[in-house]
Protein backbone atom coordinates (compact mmCIF):
# COMPACT_ATOMS: atom_id res chain seq x y z
CA MET A 1 -5.25 -30.02 27.93
CA THR A 2 -1.49 -29.89 27.57
CA THR A 3 0.42 -28.40 30.51
CA VAL A 4 3.30 -25.95 30.88
CA ALA A 5 5.46 -28.86 32.04
CA GLN A 6 4.71 -30.70 28.79
CA VAL A 7 5.60 -27.60 26.79
CA ARG A 8 8.89 -27.33 28.65
CA GLN A 9 9.68 -30.94 27.83
CA VAL A 10 8.73 -30.86 24.16
CA VAL A 11 10.69 -27.68 23.29
CA GLN A 12 13.97 -28.80 24.87
CA PRO A 13 15.56 -29.69 21.49
CA LEU A 14 14.70 -26.19 20.25
CA LEU A 15 16.20 -24.46 23.31
CA GLN A 16 19.34 -26.57 23.20
CA ARG A 17 20.01 -25.80 19.53
CA ASN A 18 19.20 -22.09 19.82
CA PRO A 19 20.91 -20.37 22.76
CA ASP A 20 19.22 -17.06 21.90
CA LEU A 21 15.85 -18.51 22.96
CA ALA A 22 14.25 -18.46 26.41
CA LEU A 23 11.10 -20.16 27.67
CA VAL A 24 8.69 -18.16 29.83
CA GLY A 25 5.72 -20.35 30.69
CA ARG A 26 4.29 -21.29 27.30
CA LEU A 27 6.13 -18.52 25.45
CA ILE A 28 9.39 -19.11 23.57
CA VAL A 29 11.14 -15.74 23.26
CA ILE A 30 14.07 -14.53 21.16
CA LYS A 31 16.65 -12.74 23.32
CA PRO A 32 17.52 -10.01 23.92
CA VAL A 33 14.12 -8.33 24.19
CA HIS A 34 14.14 -4.57 23.60
CA HIS A 35 11.17 -2.73 22.07
CA LEU A 36 9.80 -5.64 20.03
CA LEU A 37 8.87 -9.03 21.43
CA CYS A 38 9.37 -11.92 19.00
CA GLY A 39 8.04 -15.19 20.28
CA VAL A 40 6.20 -18.47 19.77
CA TYR A 41 3.30 -19.20 22.11
CA VAL A 42 2.64 -22.92 22.53
CA ASP A 43 -1.03 -22.89 23.42
CA ARG A 44 -3.48 -25.51 24.58
CA SER A 45 -6.34 -26.87 22.52
CA LEU A 46 -9.79 -28.32 23.08
CA ASP A 47 -8.07 -31.53 22.14
CA PRO A 48 -6.29 -32.53 25.39
CA LEU A 49 -3.47 -34.15 23.39
CA SER A 50 -2.60 -31.20 21.16
CA PHE A 51 -0.15 -28.30 21.18
CA VAL A 52 -0.94 -25.15 19.18
CA PRO A 53 2.26 -23.14 18.47
CA THR A 54 1.83 -19.67 16.96
CA TRP A 55 4.59 -17.15 16.32
CA SER A 56 4.11 -13.41 16.48
CA VAL A 57 5.88 -10.06 16.85
CA ILE A 58 4.36 -7.42 19.14
CA LEU A 59 5.10 -3.79 20.02
CA LEU A 60 5.86 -3.60 23.72
CA SER A 61 5.34 0.18 23.62
CA GLU A 62 1.63 -0.50 23.12
CA PRO A 63 -0.01 -1.59 26.39
CA HIS A 64 -0.30 -5.40 26.38
CA GLU A 65 -2.04 -7.61 28.90
CA ASP A 66 -0.99 -10.78 27.12
CA PHE A 67 0.79 -12.07 24.02
CA GLY A 68 -1.02 -11.15 20.80
CA PHE A 69 -1.17 -12.90 17.43
CA LEU A 70 -1.92 -10.07 15.03
CA TRP A 71 1.36 -10.26 13.10
CA GLY A 72 2.47 -13.87 12.90
CA ASN A 73 1.22 -17.29 11.87
CA ARG A 74 0.33 -20.71 13.18
CA VAL A 75 3.03 -23.37 12.95
CA ARG A 76 1.08 -26.37 11.73
CA GLY A 77 1.93 -30.04 11.99
CA ARG A 78 2.03 -32.55 9.21
CA LEU A 79 -1.62 -33.42 9.92
CA GLY A 80 -2.56 -29.88 10.90
CA THR A 81 -1.99 -30.44 14.62
CA TRP A 82 0.79 -31.45 17.01
CA GLN A 83 -0.18 -34.51 19.04
CA THR A 84 1.52 -35.58 22.27
CA ILE A 85 1.08 -39.20 21.20
CA ASP A 86 3.38 -38.67 18.20
CA PRO A 87 6.80 -40.13 19.13
CA ASP A 88 8.48 -37.70 16.71
CA LEU A 89 6.73 -34.67 18.21
CA PRO A 90 9.70 -32.93 19.90
CA SER A 91 12.00 -33.06 16.89
CA ALA A 92 9.29 -32.44 14.27
CA MET A 93 7.66 -29.49 16.03
CA CYS A 94 10.97 -27.89 16.89
CA GLU A 95 12.21 -28.21 13.32
CA ALA A 96 8.99 -26.65 12.04
CA ILE A 97 9.36 -23.72 14.46
CA GLU A 98 12.96 -23.22 13.32
CA GLN A 99 11.99 -23.25 9.65
CA GLU A 100 8.74 -21.26 9.77
CA ALA A 101 9.06 -18.93 12.74
CA LEU A 102 12.63 -18.18 13.74
CA ALA A 103 13.77 -16.80 10.38
CA PRO A 104 11.06 -14.11 10.03
CA MET A 105 11.26 -13.22 13.72
CA ARG A 106 15.05 -12.92 13.76
CA SER A 107 14.84 -10.49 10.85
CA VAL A 108 12.96 -8.00 13.04
CA LYS A 109 15.47 -5.96 15.03
CA THR A 110 14.35 -2.36 14.41
CA PHE A 111 11.08 -0.49 13.96
CA ASP A 112 11.81 -0.26 10.23
CA ASP A 113 12.12 -4.06 10.18
CA PHE A 114 8.78 -4.25 11.97
CA ILE A 115 7.16 -2.06 9.31
CA SER A 116 8.56 -4.34 6.61
CA LEU A 117 7.26 -7.47 8.36
CA THR A 118 3.78 -6.02 8.88
CA SER A 119 3.43 -4.55 5.39
CA THR A 120 0.75 -5.34 2.82
CA LEU A 121 3.22 -7.73 1.21
CA HIS A 122 2.93 -10.13 4.14
CA TYR A 123 -0.42 -9.16 5.66
CA PRO A 124 -2.61 -7.63 2.94
CA GLU A 125 -5.74 -7.60 5.11
CA ARG A 126 -4.19 -6.74 8.50
CA HIS A 127 -1.06 -4.72 7.75
CA VAL A 128 0.17 -2.17 10.28
CA ASP A 129 -1.32 0.82 8.40
CA PHE A 130 -4.73 -0.81 8.83
CA PHE A 131 -4.34 -0.05 12.56
CA PRO A 132 -3.63 3.70 12.76
CA ILE A 133 -2.81 3.77 16.48
CA SER A 134 -0.27 0.97 16.11
CA ARG A 135 1.32 2.84 13.21
CA LEU A 136 1.19 6.03 15.30
CA THR A 137 3.13 4.29 18.06
CA VAL A 138 5.73 3.05 15.58
CA ASP A 139 6.19 6.45 13.95
CA ILE A 140 6.54 8.14 17.34
CA ALA A 141 9.12 5.57 18.43
CA ARG A 142 11.03 6.14 15.18
CA GLY A 143 10.95 9.89 15.73
CA ASP A 144 8.90 10.59 12.59
CA LEU A 145 6.56 13.16 14.11
CA VAL A 146 5.47 14.48 10.71
CA ALA A 147 3.92 11.09 9.92
CA ALA A 148 2.62 10.83 13.49
CA GLU A 149 0.89 14.20 13.22
CA ALA A 150 -0.83 13.13 10.01
CA ILE A 151 -2.20 10.06 11.80
CA CYS A 152 -3.42 12.18 14.73
CA LYS A 153 -5.28 14.45 12.31
CA TYR A 154 -6.89 11.40 10.71
CA LEU A 155 -7.92 9.98 14.10
CA LYS A 156 -9.74 13.23 14.87
CA THR A 157 -12.03 12.72 11.86
CA GLN A 158 -15.30 10.83 12.12
CA LYS A 159 -13.85 8.04 9.99
CA GLY A 160 -10.75 7.76 12.16
CA LYS A 161 -12.75 7.68 15.37
CA ALA A 162 -15.18 5.14 13.93
CA GLU A 163 -12.33 2.70 13.35
CA TYR A 164 -11.92 2.42 17.13
CA PHE A 165 -15.56 2.36 18.23
CA TYR A 166 -14.87 -1.13 19.62
CA MET A 167 -11.73 0.05 21.48
CA PRO A 168 -12.70 3.39 23.05
CA GLU A 169 -10.00 3.22 25.76
CA THR A 170 -7.28 2.72 23.14
CA TYR A 171 -8.64 5.64 21.13
CA GLU A 172 -8.89 7.98 24.11
CA ARG A 173 -5.40 7.05 25.28
CA ALA A 174 -3.95 7.97 21.90
CA MET A 175 -5.91 11.21 21.66
CA GLN A 176 -5.21 12.33 25.23
CA GLU A 177 -1.68 11.03 25.82
CA LEU A 178 0.09 10.89 22.47
CA CYS A 179 -1.44 13.33 20.01
CA PRO A 180 -1.13 16.48 22.20
CA LEU A 181 2.58 15.76 22.68
CA VAL A 182 3.00 15.10 18.96
CA ALA A 183 1.45 18.50 18.23
CA ALA A 184 3.81 20.10 20.78
CA ASN A 185 6.83 18.24 19.34
CA ASP A 186 7.54 17.04 22.88
CA ARG A 187 9.94 14.20 22.11
CA ARG A 188 10.99 13.67 25.70
CA GLY A 189 7.38 13.47 26.86
CA LEU A 190 6.51 10.98 24.12
CA ALA A 191 9.53 8.81 24.93
CA ASN A 192 8.55 8.76 28.60
CA ILE A 193 5.05 7.54 27.74
CA LEU A 194 6.40 4.80 25.47
CA HIS A 195 8.83 3.68 28.18
CA GLY A 196 5.98 3.51 30.66
CA HIS A 197 3.82 1.41 28.35
CA GLU A 198 6.75 -0.84 27.56
CA ALA A 199 7.61 -1.46 31.21
CA GLN A 200 3.97 -2.32 31.98
CA SER A 201 3.76 -4.71 29.01
CA VAL A 202 6.96 -6.41 30.15
CA LYS A 203 5.55 -6.83 33.65
CA ASN A 204 2.23 -8.20 32.38
CA LEU A 205 4.02 -10.70 30.13
CA LYS A 206 6.41 -11.70 32.96
CA ILE A 207 9.52 -11.21 30.83
CA GLU A 208 11.39 -8.84 33.16
CA LYS A 209 14.41 -11.15 33.39
CA ILE A 210 15.06 -11.16 29.65
CA TRP A 211 14.06 -7.58 28.79
CA GLU A 212 16.67 -4.83 28.38
CA SER A 213 15.47 -1.24 28.65
CA THR A 214 17.00 0.78 25.80
CA PRO A 215 16.38 4.27 24.29
CA PHE A 216 13.87 4.71 21.48
CA PRO A 217 15.11 6.25 18.23
CA ILE A 218 13.06 9.37 19.06
CA GLU A 219 15.43 9.97 22.00
CA MET A 220 18.56 10.15 19.90
CA GLY A 221 20.07 13.60 20.17
CA LEU A 222 17.96 14.71 23.13
């Protein structure tokens, strides 16, 4: 399987041409990192000679143990894979990442941008509204507690609860931590929870050196 050292070597052309990028292990990250992490994870494969780069954007204010690939896409090679034996690999893979990944990721700077990226237009079968707790987190961060309250009411229904039967901890966290504060219009309390989740995600992903803690929109005017 390909190593972190090989990843570091093959992405050098990309890092040199794009000073807003940083490499953390196998993860290429767009700096600065605030509430949204935009990155390309260069994974291993069962094929010991292959790299598997996939770009994605994740909400740091949702607890993350690792980098997720829900909203992004694979960057595929000319033959479907990226082989270490290809002499043109560094330039070809880096050019493909620039063309296919950097443009959509660089367009995501705000939570509204995130909603646009994860809409039905781009992800008809896995858009953000298909995941009520993710949308709840976004609406809280944006300060739209009217929309957040509507989601909390939906989650209390049998249908809403059933959507998270496979993720009971995620469901209980939303119902116990977030929804009571939404009902109480406790903006400071909600912001504190999001900051806590964000800091833990940053620590788990080992991106402390490139993350900048900033206020959420919900905190404006507090």
